[in-house]
């Protein structure tokens, strides 16, 4: 081994003052660490989805990936206890004349334990059969002490009509009954860190938003979203779900992969306060960005206005309103008919264009293409 095999990466005193340093040599990314007087160097590319280990943190002798918290020993590159079959390359390192030298040929290889793909990662292929309708209720409830929900009640009317009159298989998902973590902002670290299936879903088998992903991406042809109005906006559970659906939309941005095809969405919006049009506008924008189609007149709504703070009367009005129930039945009929038209192929146009506010090529990709 000659001195030309080694690269000077910096002053030992300066590098020892930092627990972890990212080092780049061309396309080679390294994670250099220092702990208790000992330097360690391993690959800076995580086995999971390529996260930057050199930008992570030290947990004892393990480097924690900043994207999804995978851990590798800072000297050997071996995965944390229980994950030893995963390893990133390690590199020899020495100090000479106050300088840190790293040999750029890996001392150990990368090892990746085969991981079975998550069930949600299977190809999106619609199974034959009639139009399938899923209802999602975003009303917050104390499950031990349930109350009457105007939006959920109308959703149940729509699903009953879809099943009995339209002969559609139906499902009802109540977000209040699911235990799922809020989005933890992986996309804010890197577009590539927001994965499909969602990173939380992959890492946490107890996270129950899997039921929503399964319904929206793989099962349903029609989605009915019912939400109350809370301070002029949709309910908080809707927004928790919507943030976790960023992983679906993000596939368009970074993979040119549309997971939502030939699917229809409609909305039921009720509340003791006003701003129906504002709530509807957000819902229409968000689900359109995911790839959903809209039937003509895509929502039914009810509100008694800003000054009508008598919720008991609001509940009574919804219970007594046959017009609302008829409107809801008509809504699901329009949605199902639109889905049937799509499934016949009458509106198919081959591969969809990359439309939408966020679906264009990333600016960094465009710069690379011009380089």
Protein backbone atom coordinates (compact mmCIF):
# COMPACT_ATOMS: atom_id res chain seq x y z
CA UNK A 1 0.00 0.00 0.00
CA UNK A 2 1.51 3.35 -1.04
CA UNK A 3 0.81 6.84 0.21
CA UNK A 4 -1.10 7.51 -3.00
CA UNK A 5 -3.75 5.09 -1.73
CA UNK A 6 -4.55 7.55 1.06
CA UNK A 7 -6.31 10.88 0.91
CA UNK A 8 -5.81 13.76 3.31
CA UNK A 9 -9.23 14.79 4.63
CA UNK A 10 -8.23 17.51 7.09
CA UNK A 11 -6.55 18.51 10.33
CA UNK A 12 -6.96 15.93 13.07
CA UNK A 13 -7.57 18.54 15.77
CA UNK A 14 -10.32 20.20 13.75
CA UNK A 15 -12.04 16.93 12.82
CA UNK A 16 -11.78 15.59 16.38
CA UNK A 17 -13.74 18.61 17.58
CA UNK A 18 -16.81 17.42 15.65
CA UNK A 19 -18.53 14.12 16.43
CA UNK A 20 -19.51 13.58 12.80
CA UNK A 21 -18.34 15.08 9.51
CA UNK A 22 -19.53 14.49 5.95
CA UNK A 23 -16.68 14.16 3.45
CA UNK A 24 -17.02 14.03 -0.33
CA UNK A 25 -14.47 12.83 -2.88
CA UNK A 26 -16.18 13.14 -6.23
CA UNK A 27 -19.08 10.71 -6.05
CA UNK A 28 -17.72 8.99 -2.97
CA UNK A 29 -19.48 10.15 0.19
CA UNK A 30 -18.00 9.31 3.57
CA UNK A 31 -19.11 9.72 7.17
CA UNK A 32 -16.11 10.46 9.41
CA UNK A 33 -16.69 10.28 13.15
CA UNK A 34 -14.63 10.82 16.29
CA UNK A 35 -15.31 9.41 19.72
CA UNK A 36 -13.04 8.85 22.70
CA UNK A 37 -9.90 9.60 20.70
CA UNK A 38 -10.70 7.19 17.85
CA UNK A 39 -11.61 8.14 14.30
CA UNK A 40 -13.93 6.00 12.21
CA UNK A 41 -14.91 6.25 8.57
CA UNK A 42 -17.79 4.48 6.84
CA UNK A 43 -19.76 5.06 3.66
CA UNK A 44 -21.92 8.16 3.77
CA UNK A 45 -24.76 6.41 1.90
CA UNK A 46 -27.37 4.56 3.95
CA UNK A 47 -28.54 1.13 2.84
CA UNK A 48 -32.22 2.05 3.13
CA UNK A 49 -32.89 4.73 0.49
CA UNK A 50 -29.48 6.39 0.26
CA UNK A 51 -29.77 8.82 3.15
CA UNK A 52 -26.68 10.96 3.96
CA UNK A 53 -25.10 9.27 7.01
CA UNK A 54 -22.52 12.05 7.33
CA UNK A 55 -25.34 14.49 8.06
CA UNK A 56 -26.77 12.32 10.82
CA UNK A 57 -25.80 12.04 14.46
CA UNK A 58 -23.91 9.74 16.80
CA UNK A 59 -25.74 7.45 19.21
CA UNK A 60 -22.86 5.93 21.16
CA UNK A 61 -20.79 4.14 18.53
CA UNK A 62 -23.57 4.14 15.95
CA UNK A 63 -24.22 6.69 13.25
CA UNK A 64 -27.94 7.39 12.89
CA UNK A 65 -29.20 8.20 9.41
CA UNK A 66 -30.97 11.58 9.43
CA UNK A 67 -33.68 10.37 7.07
CA UNK A 68 -35.18 7.25 8.66
CA UNK A 69 -32.99 6.49 11.70
CA UNK A 70 -31.19 3.40 10.42
CA UNK A 71 -28.00 2.85 12.46
CA UNK A 72 -24.53 1.63 11.48
CA UNK A 73 -21.41 1.19 13.61
CA UNK A 74 -19.18 4.17 13.02
CA UNK A 75 -15.99 2.06 12.62
CA UNK A 76 -17.11 -1.31 11.23
CA UNK A 77 -20.17 -0.16 9.26
CA UNK A 78 -22.23 -3.06 10.66
CA UNK A 79 -25.90 -2.46 11.42
CA UNK A 80 -27.14 -2.03 14.97
CA UNK A 81 -27.84 -5.12 17.12
CA UNK A 82 -30.57 -7.12 15.47
CA UNK A 83 -29.68 -5.74 12.04
CA UNK A 84 -26.13 -7.04 11.67
CA UNK A 85 -26.89 -8.49 8.25
CA UNK A 86 -27.03 -4.93 6.95
CA UNK A 87 -23.69 -3.14 6.67
CA UNK A 88 -22.23 -0.18 4.81
CA UNK A 89 -18.59 -0.17 3.63
CA UNK A 90 -15.95 0.80 6.19
CA UNK A 91 -12.67 2.55 5.38
CA UNK A 92 -9.23 2.50 6.97
CA UNK A 93 -8.22 5.72 8.66
CA UNK A 94 -4.99 6.94 10.29
CA UNK A 95 -3.47 10.12 11.68
CA UNK A 96 -0.07 11.25 10.38
CA UNK A 97 1.61 14.55 11.04
CA UNK A 98 -1.53 15.99 12.58
CA UNK A 99 -3.57 15.15 9.48
CA UNK A 100 -6.33 12.57 9.04
CA UNK A 101 -5.78 10.20 6.13
CA UNK A 102 -8.41 7.89 4.68
CA UNK A 103 -7.84 5.05 2.25
CA UNK A 104 -10.54 5.41 -0.39
CA UNK A 105 -10.71 1.72 -1.27
CA UNK A 106 -13.33 0.16 1.04
CA UNK A 107 -11.94 -2.19 3.69
CA UNK A 108 -15.26 -4.06 3.97
CA UNK A 109 -18.12 -4.49 1.50
CA UNK A 110 -21.68 -3.25 1.61
CA UNK A 111 -24.13 -5.92 2.73
CA UNK A 112 -27.86 -5.59 2.35
CA UNK A 113 -30.16 -8.10 3.96
CA UNK A 114 -33.04 -8.90 1.60
CA UNK A 115 -36.15 -7.21 2.96
CA UNK A 116 -39.54 -8.37 1.77
CA UNK A 117 -41.34 -5.46 0.09
CA UNK A 118 -44.16 -3.90 2.05
CA UNK A 119 -47.58 -5.18 0.90
CA UNK A 120 -48.54 -1.67 -0.18
CA UNK A 121 -45.57 -1.60 -2.58
CA UNK A 122 -47.17 -4.15 -4.90
CA UNK A 123 -48.10 -3.02 -8.42
CA UNK A 124 -51.33 -1.06 -8.59
CA UNK A 125 -53.67 -3.28 -10.58
CA UNK A 126 -57.42 -3.04 -10.22
CA UNK A 127 -59.16 -6.34 -9.55
CA UNK A 128 -62.21 -7.00 -11.75
CA UNK A 129 -65.64 -6.33 -10.34
CA UNK A 130 -68.18 -3.57 -9.73
CA UNK A 131 -67.26 -0.03 -8.72
CA UNK A 132 -65.98 -0.03 -5.14
CA UNK A 133 -66.75 2.87 -2.81
CA UNK A 134 -64.86 3.82 0.34
CA UNK A 135 -66.13 6.44 2.77
CA UNK A 136 -63.66 8.26 4.99
CA UNK A 137 -65.01 10.09 8.01
CA UNK A 138 -62.74 12.84 9.33
CA UNK A 139 -64.86 13.78 12.32
CA UNK A 140 -63.07 13.60 15.69
CA UNK A 141 -64.82 11.46 18.23
CA UNK A 142 -64.38 10.25 21.80
CA UNK A 143 -64.91 6.57 21.06
CA UNK A 144 -65.99 5.83 24.63
CA UNK A 145 -68.66 8.52 24.49
CA UNK A 146 -69.84 8.79 20.87
CA UNK A 147 -71.94 11.67 19.64
CA UNK A 148 -74.01 12.31 16.53
CA UNK A 149 -71.84 13.55 13.68
CA UNK A 150 -73.68 15.33 10.90
CA UNK A 151 -70.98 14.68 8.29
CA UNK A 152 -70.58 11.03 9.25
CA UNK A 153 -74.35 10.48 9.29
CA UNK A 154 -74.67 11.74 5.72
CA UNK A 155 -71.67 9.63 4.70
CA UNK A 156 -73.45 6.54 6.03
CA UNK A 157 -76.51 7.50 3.95
CA UNK A 158 -74.31 7.68 0.85
CA UNK A 159 -72.64 4.32 1.51
CA UNK A 160 -75.96 2.62 2.21
CA UNK A 161 -77.31 3.94 -1.09
CA UNK A 162 -74.16 2.83 -2.95
CA UNK A 163 -74.45 -0.66 -1.53
CA UNK A 164 -78.20 -1.23 -1.71
CA UNK A 165 -79.27 0.72 -4.79
CA UNK A 166 -76.09 0.86 -6.87
CA UNK A 167 -74.83 -2.64 -5.87
CA UNK A 168 -71.34 -1.36 -5.04
CA UNK A 169 -69.04 -2.97 -2.47
CA UNK A 170 -68.47 -0.37 0.25
CA UNK A 171 -66.17 0.31 3.19
CA UNK A 172 -66.34 2.91 5.95
CA UNK A 173 -63.09 4.18 7.51
CA UNK A 174 -63.38 6.36 10.59
CA UNK A 175 -60.12 8.23 11.12
CA UNK A 176 -61.01 8.69 14.79
CA UNK A 177 -60.76 4.91 15.24
CA UNK A 178 -57.28 4.66 13.72
CA UNK A 179 -54.05 5.17 15.62
CA UNK A 180 -51.57 6.78 13.28
CA UNK A 181 -48.61 9.06 13.66
CA UNK A 182 -48.54 12.56 12.23
CA UNK A 183 -46.28 13.21 9.26
CA UNK A 184 -42.74 13.67 10.55
CA UNK A 185 -41.51 15.84 7.70
CA UNK A 186 -39.17 13.50 5.84
CA UNK A 187 -39.91 15.42 2.67
CA UNK A 188 -38.51 18.54 4.34
CA UNK A 189 -35.18 16.71 4.70
CA UNK A 190 -35.10 15.58 1.09
CA UNK A 191 -37.65 14.81 -1.61
CA UNK A 192 -36.08 11.34 -1.85
CA UNK A 193 -36.65 10.76 1.88
CA UNK A 194 -40.43 10.79 1.37
CA UNK A 195 -41.00 7.25 0.15
CA UNK A 196 -43.83 5.05 -1.03
CA UNK A 197 -45.03 3.32 1.03
CA UNK A 198 -44.73 6.03 3.68
CA UNK A 199 -41.54 5.66 5.73
CA UNK A 200 -43.57 5.62 8.94
CA UNK A 201 -45.71 2.79 7.58
CA UNK A 202 -42.59 0.82 6.67
CA UNK A 203 -40.93 1.31 10.05
CA UNK A 204 -43.92 1.10 12.38
CA UNK A 205 -46.13 -1.97 12.02
CA UNK A 206 -48.58 -0.52 14.56
CA UNK A 207 -49.32 2.55 12.46
CA UNK A 208 -52.88 2.11 11.21
CA UNK A 209 -52.96 4.53 8.31
CA UNK A 210 -52.17 1.45 6.21
CA UNK A 211 -55.94 0.97 5.97
CA UNK A 212 -56.33 4.34 4.26
CA UNK A 213 -53.42 3.75 1.87
CA UNK A 214 -54.78 0.32 0.94
CA UNK A 215 -58.24 1.71 0.24
CA UNK A 216 -57.20 4.78 -1.74
CA UNK A 217 -54.40 3.29 -3.83
CA UNK A 218 -55.39 -0.35 -4.29
CA UNK A 219 -59.09 -0.94 -3.51
CA UNK A 220 -61.48 1.93 -4.11
CA UNK A 221 -62.76 3.39 -7.35
CA UNK A 222 -64.75 6.10 -5.55
CA UNK A 223 -63.68 7.94 -2.40
CA UNK A 224 -66.23 9.88 -0.35
CA UNK A 225 -64.57 12.17 2.16
CA UNK A 226 -66.82 13.54 4.92
CA UNK A 227 -65.54 16.30 7.18
CA UNK A 228 -66.92 18.80 9.66
CA UNK A 229 -66.02 22.48 9.46
CA UNK A 230 -63.69 23.52 12.28
CA UNK A 231 -62.78 27.21 12.48
CA UNK A 232 -63.45 27.63 8.79
CA UNK A 233 -61.37 24.62 7.78
CA UNK A 234 -61.73 20.87 7.42
CA UNK A 235 -61.33 18.82 10.59
CA UNK A 236 -57.90 18.24 12.12
CA UNK A 237 -58.01 14.50 11.41
CA UNK A 238 -58.39 15.24 7.71
CA UNK A 239 -55.21 17.34 7.73
CA UNK A 240 -53.30 14.66 9.65
CA UNK A 241 -54.29 12.18 6.96
CA UNK A 242 -53.59 14.62 4.12
CA UNK A 243 -50.05 15.27 5.31
CA UNK A 244 -49.38 11.53 5.37
CA UNK A 245 -50.70 11.29 1.79
CA UNK A 246 -47.82 13.47 0.61
CA UNK A 247 -45.97 10.20 -0.06
CA UNK A 248 -48.58 9.39 -2.74
CA UNK A 249 -48.30 12.75 -4.48
CA UNK A 250 -44.52 12.81 -4.10
CA UNK A 251 -44.23 9.74 -6.32
CA UNK A 252 -45.36 11.94 -9.21
CA UNK A 253 -42.70 14.54 -8.43
CA UNK A 254 -39.68 12.27 -8.01
CA UNK A 255 -40.62 9.05 -9.82
CA UNK A 256 -43.07 10.19 -12.53
CA UNK A 257 -45.35 7.52 -11.08
CA UNK A 258 -49.06 8.20 -10.68
CA UNK A 259 -50.54 5.87 -8.06
CA UNK A 260 -54.08 7.26 -8.36
CA UNK A 261 -55.55 6.43 -11.76
CA UNK A 262 -59.19 6.37 -12.91
CA UNK A 263 -60.47 7.09 -9.42
CA UNK A 264 -63.16 9.55 -8.39
CA UNK A 265 -63.53 11.64 -5.24
CA UNK A 266 -66.47 13.56 -3.78
CA UNK A 267 -67.05 15.39 -0.52
CA UNK A 268 -69.60 15.85 2.25
CA UNK A 269 -69.03 19.03 4.27
CA UNK A 270 -71.10 20.07 7.27
CA UNK A 271 -70.61 22.41 10.16
CA UNK A 272 -72.10 24.79 12.66
CA UNK A 273 -69.90 27.50 11.14
CA UNK A 274 -69.54 28.88 7.64
CA UNK A 275 -66.82 28.78 4.96
CA UNK A 276 -68.09 25.82 2.97
CA UNK A 277 -66.51 27.13 -0.23
CA UNK A 278 -63.12 27.56 1.46
CA UNK A 279 -63.16 24.02 2.82
CA UNK A 280 -64.33 22.62 -0.51
CA UNK A 281 -61.62 24.54 -2.36
CA UNK A 282 -58.86 22.98 -0.28
CA UNK A 283 -60.28 19.49 -0.66
CA UNK A 284 -60.72 19.88 -4.42
CA UNK A 285 -57.16 21.16 -4.83
CA UNK A 286 -55.55 18.48 -2.69
CA UNK A 287 -57.28 15.44 -4.16
CA UNK A 288 -56.85 16.78 -7.70
CA UNK A 289 -53.09 16.92 -7.04
CA UNK A 290 -53.19 13.25 -6.04
CA UNK A 291 -54.75 12.38 -9.41
CA UNK A 292 -58.44 11.95 -8.59
CA UNK A 293 -61.22 12.80 -11.02
CA UNK A 294 -64.26 14.84 -9.99
CA UNK A 295 -67.87 14.24 -10.97
CA UNK A 296 -70.06 17.15 -11.93
CA UNK A 297 -71.03 19.02 -8.73
CA UNK A 298 -68.54 17.11 -6.53
CA UNK A 299 -69.72 18.00 -3.04
CA UNK A 300 -72.76 18.31 -0.79
CA UNK A 301 -72.59 20.75 2.09
CA UNK A 302 -74.58 22.23 4.95
CA UNK A 303 -73.96 25.09 7.35
CA UNK A 304 -76.15 27.41 9.38
CA UNK A 305 -73.62 30.23 9.17
CA UNK A 306 -71.18 32.10 11.36
CA UNK A 307 -73.71 33.46 13.82
CA UNK A 308 -75.64 30.21 14.29
CA UNK A 309 -73.76 28.77 17.27
CA UNK A 310 -76.65 26.59 18.43
CA UNK A 311 -75.21 23.18 17.58
CA UNK A 312 -78.25 21.33 18.87
CA UNK A 313 -80.36 23.04 16.22
CA UNK A 314 -77.75 22.35 13.58
CA UNK A 315 -77.84 18.64 14.40
CA UNK A 316 -81.64 18.67 14.36
CA UNK A 317 -81.65 20.36 10.94
CA UNK A 318 -79.42 17.68 9.43
CA UNK A 319 -81.42 14.85 11.00
CA UNK A 320 -84.66 16.26 9.63
CA UNK A 321 -83.43 17.31 6.18
CA UNK A 322 -84.58 14.91 3.49
CA UNK A 323 -83.09 17.30 0.93
CA UNK A 324 -79.60 16.68 2.36
CA UNK A 325 -80.09 12.93 2.28
CA UNK A 326 -81.39 13.05 -1.28
CA UNK A 327 -78.49 15.30 -2.26
CA UNK A 328 -76.03 12.87 -0.73
CA UNK A 329 -77.56 9.92 -2.57
CA UNK A 330 -77.38 11.87 -5.82
CA UNK A 331 -73.74 12.74 -5.07
CA UNK A 332 -72.66 9.13 -4.78
CA UNK A 333 -74.65 8.26 -7.91
CA UNK A 334 -72.73 10.91 -9.88
CA UNK A 335 -69.43 9.67 -8.47
CA UNK A 336 -70.16 6.03 -9.26
CA UNK A 337 -71.35 6.86 -12.77
CA UNK A 338 -68.17 8.87 -13.39
CA UNK A 339 -66.08 5.94 -12.16
CA UNK A 340 -67.95 3.54 -14.45
CA UNK A 341 -67.26 5.81 -17.40
CA UNK A 342 -63.56 5.92 -16.54
CA UNK A 343 -63.32 2.17 -16.11
CA UNK A 344 -64.91 1.61 -19.52
CA UNK A 345 -61.94 3.47 -20.94
CA UNK A 346 -63.99 6.22 -22.52
CA UNK A 347 -61.78 8.87 -20.96
CA UNK A 348 -58.46 7.01 -21.11
CA UNK A 349 -55.66 8.80 -22.95
CA UNK A 350 -52.63 6.57 -22.35
CA UNK A 351 -49.93 7.82 -20.04
CA UNK A 352 -51.04 10.95 -18.23
CA UNK A 353 -49.15 14.18 -18.70
CA UNK A 354 -47.18 15.49 -15.75
CA UNK A 355 -49.77 18.05 -14.78
CA UNK A 356 -50.42 19.82 -11.52
CA UNK A 357 -48.76 22.41 -9.39
CA UNK A 358 -46.10 20.07 -7.97
CA UNK A 359 -45.71 17.51 -10.72
CA UNK A 360 -43.07 19.19 -12.88
CA UNK A 361 -39.46 18.04 -12.87
CA UNK A 362 -37.57 19.16 -9.82
CA UNK A 363 -35.44 22.26 -10.44
CA UNK A 364 -32.32 20.39 -9.35
CA UNK A 365 -33.04 17.73 -12.01
CA UNK A 366 -33.51 20.42 -14.63
CA UNK A 367 -30.14 21.95 -13.72
CA UNK A 368 -28.45 18.56 -14.00
CA UNK A 369 -30.01 18.07 -17.43
CA UNK A 370 -28.56 21.39 -18.63
CA UNK A 371 -25.10 20.69 -17.21
